[in-house]
Amino acid sequence: MTTARTLFPLDATYAREVPGMSVPWSAADAPAPELLVLNEDLAAELGADPAALREPDGVRFLVGQGLPESVTPVAQVYAGHQFGMYQPRLGDGRALLLGDVVDVHGRRRDLHLKGSGRTPFARGGDGLAVVGPMLLEYLMGEAMHALGIPTTRALAVVATGVQVQRERLLPGAVLCRVAGSHLRVGTFQYAAAAGDRDVLRALADHAVARHHPEAADAPHPYLELFRRVCAAQADLVARWMLVGFVHGVMNTDNTTISGETIDYGPCAFMDRVDPATTFSSIDARGRYAYGNQPAIVQWNLARLGEALVPLLGDDLDAAGAALNEVLAAFPDVYARRWAEGMAAKLGLPEPDLELGTDLMTLLHAGRVDLTSFFRALAAGTARDLFLDRDSFDVWAARRDALLPADRDAVAAAMDRVNPVYIPRNHHVEPALRAAERGDLAPFRRLLDAVSSPYAERADRSDLAGPPPEDAIPHVTYCGT
């Protein structure tokens, strides 16, 4: 018989090293588990046999059933600022940490269930998830991974055989997610608010060992931890901005210590450039709009800094000044990383922040599709995307003056970093609706395209372009 022990040698590093920040809990029953999609490459990376995961015992493991006595899932507790409002006790309301495993590259990674039933942190929710949003998280994670953006990834989506009441009855599902860890800014907020400095220190030490081990040797390890988390988040959000990704719910409980993208709820990719782009049905004021994301993550990091104050010594003024110095550098760190990424997208040998910023202004004014523009620029057809071609010509002349002489090499380099395929909203929704009806073919076809985003393919050409001009504005929901 295949067991969790033979599938994954699971450890319980977080529960053991940071006591008091999780509670043991078990997954709800899944009466008829059916594997919908399995990430075989990721399974192999984790050291598991994909064929074993497809067996009945493997599928049961993926919904948290039939675990050996040595494996004790836990629900993690954390706090968080949600749309700017502090919530002192959130946590894994419908999720469980199965444990962690060291992958074939020597990296320790969490295995985590989502949609596995109510926990003590459910706050009135049913603790369940449905097929559409779980497949969306799978799709988005694989797209981001293929784009080189740090992200959690889905190992599998399993239908449970339970019908879940939302606006209508929908097929239930559990997602098995893999992450460097599930440590969040909100995790530190909860530990700090509890007032137990030993727990906060244990959490910080765990974060250092897990994600930023170089900080351990610094003169001030916890300040260095803060600096490194700020740098990781600056890099992450710069990468989001360069591909037009809008997370949609950048609460502090969705901001990771690892610098990975987490919790793909009301997320989507922007088509035509507009800093005010927002998709989420609950973000009526645009707090988490595309153009606000760098400032929001800096705000979230300020909350992390506040949580770390008790670990920085008794001189509160000195601690605050040191944290503020790191935080004040965030815009420059972010701008540098964004400019470097934009230079690669434009085929430039050196970053030019002003040229990149002016381009985004030009694209916004012309209502130009972000993803299509860069491939057209490499092909020499970008001018055709603009009504105001004189303005484009002025900008293009500035770029041309900075380009290397070998334009064919420039175009080839650009095509290696500018995707043809992203999860276009007008293709994602029909694919998810078809999956809810039991037809996974459109989902698999879209997944195939975004998993190899740079290779143009004639049989996927319909997935490459923006929506029609008269398309209904895309609205996303949190998936609960």
Protein backbone atom coordinates (compact mmCIF):
# COMPACT_ATOMS: atom_id res chain seq x y z
CA MET A 1 0.00 0.00 0.00
CA THR A 2 1.22 3.50 -0.86
CA THR A 3 1.34 5.77 2.19
CA ALA A 4 2.26 9.37 2.85
CA ARG A 5 5.49 8.04 4.33
CA THR A 6 6.49 6.47 1.01
CA LEU A 7 5.15 9.39 -1.04
CA PHE A 8 6.87 12.12 0.95
CA PRO A 9 9.17 11.93 3.99
CA LEU A 10 7.23 14.72 5.71
CA ASP A 11 8.71 16.70 8.57
CA ALA A 12 6.95 19.16 10.89
CA THR A 13 9.62 21.84 11.08
CA TYR A 14 7.30 24.82 11.58
CA ALA A 15 5.09 23.26 14.25
CA ARG A 16 8.14 21.99 16.13
CA GLU A 17 10.29 25.13 15.94
CA VAL A 18 7.57 27.74 16.43
CA PRO A 19 5.21 26.39 19.11
CA GLY A 20 1.97 28.22 19.74
CA MET A 21 1.56 29.44 16.15
CA SER A 22 -0.49 26.50 14.86
CA VAL A 23 -3.01 23.93 16.04
CA PRO A 24 -3.22 20.25 15.08
CA TRP A 25 -6.21 19.60 12.85
CA SER A 26 -7.57 17.06 10.39
CA ALA A 27 -8.99 17.46 6.92
CA ALA A 28 -12.70 17.00 6.32
CA ASP A 29 -13.82 13.84 4.60
CA ALA A 30 -13.77 13.76 0.81
CA PRO A 31 -16.23 10.98 -0.03
CA ALA A 32 -15.29 10.53 -3.71
CA PRO A 33 -11.88 12.06 -4.42
CA GLU A 34 -11.06 12.33 -8.11
CA LEU A 35 -7.74 13.64 -9.39
CA LEU A 36 -8.38 16.46 -11.87
CA VAL A 37 -4.83 17.59 -12.56
CA LEU A 38 -1.42 16.53 -11.26
CA ASN A 39 1.79 18.51 -11.66
CA GLU A 40 4.10 15.63 -12.52
CA ASP A 41 7.20 17.79 -12.94
CA LEU A 42 6.69 19.32 -9.51
CA ALA A 43 6.02 15.91 -7.96
CA ALA A 44 9.31 14.64 -9.32
CA GLU A 45 11.06 17.77 -8.05
CA LEU A 46 9.74 16.95 -4.59
CA GLY A 47 11.12 13.44 -4.86
CA ALA A 48 7.75 11.73 -5.23
CA ASP A 49 6.64 9.19 -7.80
CA PRO A 50 3.88 10.78 -9.93
CA ALA A 51 2.45 7.34 -10.69
CA ALA A 52 2.03 6.68 -6.96
CA LEU A 53 0.17 9.96 -6.53
CA ARG A 54 -2.30 8.82 -9.19
CA GLU A 55 -3.10 5.65 -7.25
CA PRO A 56 -6.14 5.71 -4.92
CA ASP A 57 -3.97 6.07 -1.80
CA GLY A 58 -2.02 8.87 -3.46
CA VAL A 59 -5.19 10.75 -4.35
CA ARG A 60 -6.46 10.31 -0.79
CA PHE A 61 -3.18 11.75 0.49
CA LEU A 62 -3.71 14.82 -1.72
CA VAL A 63 -6.92 15.62 0.17
CA GLY A 64 -5.41 14.87 3.59
CA GLN A 65 -6.90 11.39 4.07
CA GLY A 66 -5.21 8.18 5.16
CA LEU A 67 -2.18 9.91 6.65
CA PRO A 68 0.10 7.83 8.90
CA GLU A 69 0.14 8.57 12.61
CA SER A 70 3.52 10.27 12.25
CA VAL A 71 1.96 13.04 10.10
CA THR A 72 -0.06 15.65 12.00
CA PRO A 73 -1.48 18.43 9.85
CA VAL A 74 -1.75 21.84 11.46
CA ALA A 75 -3.72 25.01 10.82
CA GLN A 76 -1.50 28.08 11.06
CA VAL A 77 -2.59 31.22 12.85
CA TYR A 78 -1.76 34.75 11.73
CA ALA A 79 -3.16 38.26 11.81
CA GLY A 80 -3.32 40.78 9.01
CA HIS A 81 -4.33 44.12 7.63
CA GLN A 82 -7.13 43.42 5.17
CA PHE A 83 -7.79 46.42 2.93
CA GLY A 84 -6.02 48.50 5.56
CA MET A 85 -8.09 47.27 8.51
CA TYR A 86 -6.31 45.23 11.16
CA GLN A 87 -7.72 41.79 11.90
CA PRO A 88 -6.05 40.37 15.03
CA ARG A 89 -6.83 36.71 14.39
CA LEU A 90 -7.07 35.21 10.92
CA GLY A 91 -5.27 31.97 10.07
CA ASP A 92 -5.84 28.93 7.90
CA GLY A 93 -9.61 28.94 7.93
CA ARG A 94 -9.88 26.32 5.18
CA ALA A 95 -6.32 25.10 4.86
CA LEU A 96 -3.86 22.74 6.52
CA LEU A 97 -0.09 22.43 6.51
CA LEU A 98 0.68 18.75 5.99
CA GLY A 99 4.36 19.30 6.69
CA ASP A 100 7.56 20.03 4.83
CA VAL A 101 9.89 18.04 2.64
CA VAL A 102 13.39 18.57 1.28
CA ASP A 103 13.23 18.47 -2.52
CA VAL A 104 15.78 17.01 -4.93
CA HIS A 105 17.63 20.35 -4.98
CA GLY A 106 18.00 20.43 -1.20
CA ARG A 107 15.32 23.09 -0.65
CA ARG A 108 12.83 22.69 2.17
CA ARG A 109 9.26 23.19 0.96
CA ASP A 110 5.80 23.10 2.49
CA LEU A 111 2.95 20.85 1.40
CA HIS A 112 -0.30 22.60 2.14
CA LEU A 113 -3.97 21.86 1.50
CA LYS A 114 -6.56 24.45 0.56
CA GLY A 115 -10.27 23.73 0.77
CA SER A 116 -9.79 20.88 3.25
CA GLY A 117 -12.59 21.91 5.64
CA ARG A 118 -13.29 24.19 8.57
CA THR A 119 -10.60 24.88 11.16
CA PRO A 120 -10.73 26.94 14.37
CA PHE A 121 -9.84 29.97 12.21
CA ALA A 122 -12.73 29.59 9.75
CA ARG A 123 -14.61 32.66 11.09
CA GLY A 124 -18.00 31.39 9.97
CA GLY A 125 -16.89 30.00 6.61
CA ASP A 126 -17.57 26.45 5.50
CA GLY A 127 -13.86 25.72 4.98
CA LEU A 128 -14.42 24.33 1.52
CA ALA A 129 -13.26 25.27 -1.96
CA VAL A 130 -14.65 24.65 -5.43
CA VAL A 131 -13.16 23.44 -8.68
CA GLY A 132 -12.95 26.76 -10.57
CA PRO A 133 -10.87 28.82 -8.11
CA MET A 134 -8.59 25.88 -7.30
CA LEU A 135 -7.86 25.32 -10.98
CA LEU A 136 -7.29 29.06 -11.32
CA GLU A 137 -4.61 28.91 -8.61
CA TYR A 138 -3.00 25.96 -10.38
CA LEU A 139 -3.03 27.82 -13.71
CA MET A 140 -1.71 31.09 -12.31
CA GLY A 141 1.05 29.44 -10.34
CA GLU A 142 2.30 27.55 -13.38
CA ALA A 143 2.10 30.68 -15.55
CA MET A 144 4.08 32.71 -13.04
CA HIS A 145 6.63 29.92 -12.62
CA ALA A 146 7.13 29.75 -16.37
CA LEU A 147 7.62 33.53 -16.44
CA GLY A 148 10.39 33.23 -13.83
CA ILE A 149 8.38 34.92 -11.07
CA PRO A 150 8.76 33.49 -7.54
CA THR A 151 5.53 31.72 -6.68
CA THR A 152 3.76 29.02 -4.79
CA ARG A 153 2.76 26.19 -7.10
CA ALA A 154 0.00 23.63 -7.11
CA LEU A 155 0.92 19.97 -6.94
CA ALA A 156 -2.63 18.81 -7.64
CA VAL A 157 -6.31 19.66 -7.71
CA VAL A 158 -8.65 16.91 -6.53
CA ALA A 159 -12.44 16.98 -6.78
CA THR A 160 -13.96 15.87 -3.47
CA GLY A 161 -17.35 14.56 -4.54
CA VAL A 162 -19.04 17.19 -2.37
CA GLN A 163 -21.36 19.85 -3.77
CA VAL A 164 -20.55 23.23 -2.22
CA GLN A 165 -23.08 26.01 -1.83
CA ARG A 166 -21.96 29.32 -3.28
CA GLU A 167 -24.19 31.52 -5.45
CA ARG A 168 -25.19 28.07 -6.74
CA LEU A 169 -24.11 24.53 -6.02
CA LEU A 170 -20.60 23.92 -7.34
CA PRO A 171 -18.31 20.88 -7.34
CA GLY A 172 -15.95 20.90 -4.37
CA ALA A 173 -12.18 20.54 -4.66
CA VAL A 174 -8.97 20.55 -2.64
CA LEU A 175 -5.75 22.09 -3.90
CA CYS A 176 -2.41 20.75 -2.70
CA ARG A 177 0.01 23.67 -2.74
CA VAL A 178 3.80 23.79 -2.52
CA ALA A 179 5.65 26.80 -1.11
CA GLY A 180 9.03 27.72 0.26
CA SER A 181 7.00 28.33 3.40
CA HIS A 182 3.71 29.87 4.41
CA LEU A 183 5.29 32.55 6.60
CA ARG A 184 3.57 35.88 6.07
CA VAL A 185 3.86 39.42 7.35
CA GLY A 186 0.64 38.61 9.17
CA THR A 187 2.35 35.70 10.93
CA PHE A 188 4.78 38.16 12.52
CA GLN A 189 1.96 40.57 13.32
CA TYR A 190 0.16 37.87 15.28
CA ALA A 191 3.28 36.80 17.17
CA ALA A 192 4.15 40.39 18.06
CA ALA A 193 0.62 41.19 19.22
CA ALA A 194 0.62 38.13 21.47
CA GLY A 195 3.40 39.80 23.46
CA ASP A 196 5.55 36.69 23.88
CA ARG A 197 9.03 37.72 22.81
CA ASP A 198 10.26 34.12 22.88
CA VAL A 199 7.65 33.05 20.32
CA LEU A 200 8.43 36.07 18.14
CA ARG A 201 12.14 35.28 18.31
CA ALA A 202 11.52 31.61 17.47
CA LEU A 203 9.47 32.72 14.45
CA ALA A 204 12.18 35.11 13.29
CA ASP A 205 14.90 32.48 13.76
CA HIS A 206 12.81 30.02 11.77
CA ALA A 207 12.39 32.56 8.97
CA VAL A 208 16.13 33.29 8.92
CA ALA A 209 17.05 29.61 8.76
CA ARG A 210 14.39 28.83 6.17
CA HIS A 211 14.76 31.76 3.77
CA HIS A 212 17.56 34.17 4.60
CA PRO A 213 20.35 32.19 6.33
CA GLU A 214 22.95 34.86 5.52
CA ALA A 215 21.19 37.14 8.00
CA ALA A 216 22.25 34.89 10.87
CA ASP A 217 25.85 36.11 10.61
CA ALA A 218 24.99 39.81 10.40
CA PRO A 219 25.73 42.14 13.36
CA HIS A 220 21.96 42.63 13.74
CA PRO A 221 20.33 39.47 12.37
CA TYR A 222 16.69 40.56 12.70
CA LEU A 223 17.33 43.90 11.04
CA GLU A 224 19.12 42.05 8.26
CA LEU A 225 16.14 39.71 7.99
CA PHE A 226 13.95 42.77 7.45
CA ARG A 227 16.32 44.13 4.83
CA ARG A 228 16.32 40.87 2.92
CA VAL A 229 12.55 40.47 3.03
CA CYS A 230 12.21 44.03 1.71
CA ALA A 231 14.60 43.23 -1.14
CA ALA A 232 12.78 40.00 -1.97
CA GLN A 233 9.43 41.77 -2.08
CA ALA A 234 10.83 44.64 -4.17
CA ASP A 235 12.07 42.10 -6.70
CA LEU A 236 8.77 40.21 -6.67
CA VAL A 237 6.52 43.21 -7.22
CA ALA A 238 8.83 44.57 -9.93
CA ARG A 239 8.39 41.28 -11.75
CA TRP A 240 4.60 41.51 -11.33
CA MET A 241 4.58 45.00 -12.77
CA LEU A 242 6.69 44.04 -15.77
CA VAL A 243 4.16 41.43 -16.91
CA GLY A 244 1.01 43.30 -15.88
CA PHE A 245 0.02 40.98 -13.03
CA VAL A 246 -2.57 42.35 -10.61
CA HIS A 247 -2.71 40.33 -7.37
CA GLY A 248 -5.96 41.88 -6.25
CA VAL A 249 -5.79 41.27 -2.50
CA MET A 250 -2.41 42.42 -1.20
CA ASN A 251 -3.27 42.16 2.47
CA THR A 252 -0.41 41.68 4.92
CA ASP A 253 -1.49 38.06 5.38
CA ASN A 254 -0.84 37.58 1.65
CA THR A 255 2.67 39.06 1.74
CA THR A 256 5.28 36.34 2.17
CA ILE A 257 8.60 36.37 3.97
CA SER A 258 10.08 34.20 1.20
CA GLY A 259 9.23 36.67 -1.57
CA GLU A 260 6.91 34.19 -3.29
CA THR A 261 3.54 35.07 -4.79
CA ILE A 262 0.80 33.47 -2.70
CA ASP A 263 -2.99 33.15 -2.62
CA TYR A 264 -4.22 33.56 -6.16
CA GLY A 265 -7.74 34.78 -5.44
CA PRO A 266 -9.14 37.75 -7.38
CA CYS A 267 -5.99 38.03 -9.51
CA ALA A 268 -5.68 38.64 -13.24
CA PHE A 269 -3.28 39.93 -15.86
CA MET A 270 -3.77 43.43 -17.22
CA ASP A 271 -4.38 43.71 -20.96
CA ARG A 272 -4.39 47.37 -22.03
CA VAL A 273 -2.10 49.46 -19.88
CA ASP A 274 -3.81 51.50 -17.17
CA PRO A 275 -2.37 52.12 -13.68
CA ALA A 276 -5.92 52.10 -12.29
CA THR A 277 -6.58 48.56 -13.49
CA THR A 278 -8.33 46.49 -10.87
CA PHE A 279 -10.39 43.34 -11.32
CA SER A 280 -11.52 42.38 -7.82
CA SER A 281 -15.19 42.75 -7.02
CA ILE A 282 -14.30 43.72 -3.44
CA ASP A 283 -11.69 46.37 -4.30
CA ALA A 284 -14.20 49.12 -5.02
CA ARG A 285 -11.75 51.94 -4.25
CA GLY A 286 -8.83 50.49 -6.16
CA ARG A 287 -6.55 50.12 -3.15
CA TYR A 288 -4.80 47.20 -4.84
CA ALA A 289 -4.89 48.53 -8.41
CA TYR A 290 -2.00 47.71 -10.72
CA GLY A 291 -0.23 51.05 -10.26
CA ASN A 292 -0.57 50.96 -6.47
CA GLN A 293 1.16 47.63 -5.92
CA PRO A 294 4.70 48.88 -5.18
CA ALA A 295 3.46 51.39 -2.59
CA ILE A 296 1.16 48.81 -1.01
CA VAL A 297 3.91 46.27 -0.53
CA GLN A 298 6.06 48.98 1.07
CA TRP A 299 3.16 49.72 3.43
CA ASN A 300 2.88 46.01 4.25
CA LEU A 301 6.61 45.82 4.94
CA ALA A 302 6.27 48.71 7.38
CA ARG A 303 3.89 46.49 9.34
CA LEU A 304 6.55 43.76 9.37
CA GLY A 305 9.05 46.27 10.69
CA GLU A 306 6.69 47.21 13.51
CA ALA A 307 6.33 43.55 14.44
CA LEU A 308 10.11 43.09 14.62
CA VAL A 309 10.72 46.03 16.97
CA PRO A 310 10.74 43.89 20.17
CA LEU A 311 13.68 41.91 18.77
CA LEU A 312 15.85 44.94 18.02
CA GLY A 313 16.83 45.91 21.54
CA ASP A 314 15.48 48.14 24.28
CA ASP A 315 16.24 51.44 22.56
CA LEU A 316 13.00 51.89 20.66
CA ASP A 317 14.10 55.09 18.97
CA ALA A 318 17.21 53.44 17.60
CA ALA A 319 15.24 50.39 16.46
CA GLY A 320 12.66 52.55 14.71
CA ALA A 321 15.35 54.61 12.99
CA ALA A 322 17.16 51.51 11.73
CA LEU A 323 13.95 49.98 10.37
CA ASN A 324 12.88 53.25 8.76
CA GLU A 325 16.24 53.55 7.02
CA VAL A 326 15.76 50.14 5.43
CA LEU A 327 12.16 50.90 4.52
CA ALA A 328 13.04 54.29 3.03
CA ALA A 329 15.37 52.54 0.59
CA PHE A 330 12.56 50.35 -0.76
CA PRO A 331 11.47 52.66 -3.62
CA ASP A 332 15.01 52.85 -4.96
CA VAL A 333 15.50 49.09 -4.66
CA TYR A 334 12.21 48.51 -6.44
CA ALA A 335 12.92 51.10 -9.18
CA ARG A 336 16.34 49.58 -9.84
CA ARG A 337 14.94 46.09 -10.17
CA TRP A 338 12.07 47.29 -12.39
CA ALA A 339 14.44 49.27 -14.62
CA GLU A 340 16.70 46.22 -15.00
CA GLY A 341 13.77 44.08 -16.01
CA MET A 342 12.43 46.71 -18.39
CA ALA A 343 15.85 47.02 -20.03
CA ALA A 344 15.78 43.30 -20.80
CA LYS A 345 12.28 43.58 -22.22
CA LEU A 346 13.37 46.45 -24.46
CA GLY A 347 16.61 44.82 -25.58
CA LEU A 348 18.78 47.46 -23.91
CA PRO A 349 22.26 46.69 -22.60
CA GLU A 350 21.79 49.04 -19.62
CA PRO A 351 18.75 50.14 -17.56
CA ASP A 352 17.13 53.47 -18.42
CA LEU A 353 14.45 54.23 -15.84
CA GLU A 354 13.17 57.34 -17.60
CA LEU A 355 12.82 55.60 -20.96
CA GLY A 356 10.87 52.76 -19.36
CA THR A 357 8.64 55.08 -17.36
CA ASP A 358 7.90 57.17 -20.43
CA LEU A 359 7.00 54.02 -22.33
CA MET A 360 4.39 53.05 -19.74
CA THR A 361 2.90 56.54 -20.01
CA LEU A 362 2.82 56.18 -23.79
CA LEU A 363 1.19 52.76 -23.63
CA HIS A 364 -1.43 54.05 -21.21
CA ALA A 365 -2.25 57.04 -23.40
CA GLY A 366 -2.58 54.78 -26.45
CA ARG A 367 -4.55 52.04 -24.63
CA VAL A 368 -2.03 49.53 -25.93
CA ASP A 369 -1.95 45.92 -24.79
CA LEU A 370 1.11 45.40 -22.59
CA THR A 371 1.98 41.82 -23.55
CA SER A 372 1.45 42.24 -27.30
CA PHE A 373 3.52 45.43 -27.42
CA PHE A 374 6.87 43.89 -26.53
CA ARG A 375 6.60 41.05 -29.02
CA ALA A 376 5.57 43.56 -31.69
CA LEU A 377 8.50 45.79 -30.73
CA ALA A 378 10.90 42.90 -31.28
CA ALA A 379 9.24 42.16 -34.62
CA GLY A 380 9.38 45.78 -35.74
CA THR A 381 5.59 46.21 -35.91
CA ALA A 382 4.88 48.06 -32.65
CA ARG A 383 4.20 51.35 -34.43
CA ASP A 384 1.01 49.85 -35.87
CA LEU A 385 -0.45 49.53 -32.35
CA PHE A 386 -0.63 53.32 -31.88
CA LEU A 387 -3.00 55.93 -33.21
CA ASP A 388 -0.57 58.66 -32.15
CA ARG A 389 2.36 57.36 -34.13
CA ASP A 390 4.35 60.57 -33.88
CA SER A 391 4.63 60.17 -30.11
CA PHE A 392 5.72 56.56 -30.54
CA ASP A 393 8.31 57.60 -33.12
CA VAL A 394 9.85 60.10 -30.70
CA TRP A 395 10.12 57.45 -28.00
CA ALA A 396 11.38 54.79 -30.42
CA ALA A 397 14.16 57.10 -31.62
CA ARG A 398 15.39 57.45 -28.04
CA ARG A 399 15.43 53.65 -27.66
CA ASP A 400 17.12 53.10 -31.03
CA ALA A 401 20.00 55.32 -29.96
CA LEU A 402 20.71 52.95 -27.05
CA LEU A 403 20.46 49.62 -28.89
CA PRO A 404 23.39 47.41 -29.86
CA ALA A 405 24.19 47.20 -33.57
CA ASP A 406 23.09 43.58 -34.02
CA ARG A 407 19.32 44.07 -34.15
CA ASP A 408 18.59 40.41 -34.92
CA ALA A 409 20.34 39.43 -31.69
CA VAL A 410 18.39 42.12 -29.84
CA ALA A 411 15.07 40.80 -31.17
CA ALA A 412 15.97 37.23 -30.24
CA ALA A 413 16.95 38.29 -26.72
CA MET A 414 13.69 40.21 -26.33
CA ASP A 415 11.65 37.19 -27.40
CA ARG A 416 13.32 35.15 -24.67
CA VAL A 417 11.92 37.42 -21.94
CA ASN A 418 8.66 38.73 -23.40
CA PRO A 419 5.84 36.17 -23.37
CA VAL A 420 3.46 35.41 -26.18
CA TYR A 421 1.00 33.77 -23.80
CA ILE A 422 -0.33 34.86 -20.44
CA PRO A 423 -3.57 33.67 -18.79
CA ARG A 424 -5.84 36.05 -20.68
CA ASN A 425 -9.00 36.78 -18.74
CA HIS A 426 -11.32 36.15 -21.68
CA HIS A 427 -9.86 32.65 -22.03
CA VAL A 428 -9.49 31.81 -18.34
CA GLU A 429 -13.14 32.20 -17.41
CA PRO A 430 -14.57 29.95 -20.17
CA ALA A 431 -11.95 27.31 -19.37
CA LEU A 432 -12.88 27.30 -15.68
CA ARG A 433 -16.61 27.16 -16.42
CA ALA A 434 -16.06 24.21 -18.75
CA ALA A 435 -14.04 22.46 -16.02
CA GLU A 436 -16.90 22.90 -13.57
CA ARG A 437 -19.05 20.99 -16.08
CA GLY A 438 -16.47 18.22 -16.27
CA ASP A 439 -14.68 19.30 -19.46
CA LEU A 440 -11.01 19.91 -18.68
CA ALA A 441 -9.84 20.18 -22.29
CA PRO A 442 -9.97 24.01 -22.54
CA PHE A 443 -8.14 24.31 -19.20
CA ARG A 444 -5.43 21.89 -20.26
CA ARG A 445 -4.98 23.68 -23.56
CA LEU A 446 -4.58 27.04 -21.83
CA LEU A 447 -2.26 25.52 -19.21
CA ASP A 448 -0.11 24.10 -21.99
CA ALA A 449 0.24 27.53 -23.61
CA VAL A 450 1.11 29.50 -20.46
CA SER A 451 3.55 26.82 -19.30
CA SER A 452 5.69 27.57 -22.39
CA PRO A 453 4.97 31.29 -22.69
CA TYR A 454 7.79 32.37 -25.00
CA ALA A 455 7.37 29.83 -27.80
CA GLU A 456 4.95 31.06 -30.45
CA ARG A 457 2.79 28.22 -31.77
CA ALA A 458 0.35 28.27 -34.65
CA ASP A 459 -2.04 25.90 -32.86
CA ARG A 460 -2.28 28.29 -29.89
CA SER A 461 -2.44 31.58 -31.80
CA ASP A 462 -6.01 32.24 -30.63
CA LEU A 463 -4.75 32.42 -27.03
CA ALA A 464 -2.20 35.17 -27.67
CA GLY A 465 -4.12 38.37 -28.28
CA PRO A 466 -6.06 40.80 -26.08
CA PRO A 467 -9.84 40.70 -25.74
CA PRO A 468 -12.05 42.49 -28.27
CA GLU A 469 -12.53 46.22 -27.79
CA ASP A 470 -16.18 45.68 -26.88
CA ALA A 471 -15.50 42.91 -24.33
CA ILE A 472 -17.30 43.17 -21.02
CA PRO A 473 -14.93 44.38 -18.26
CA HIS A 474 -13.43 41.43 -16.41
CA VAL A 475 -14.39 41.04 -12.74
CA THR A 476 -12.76 38.56 -10.35
CA TYR A 477 -13.89 37.14 -7.05
CA CYS A 478 -11.99 35.87 -4.04
CA GLY A 479 -12.94 32.23 -4.56
CA THR A 480 -14.49 31.62 -1.16
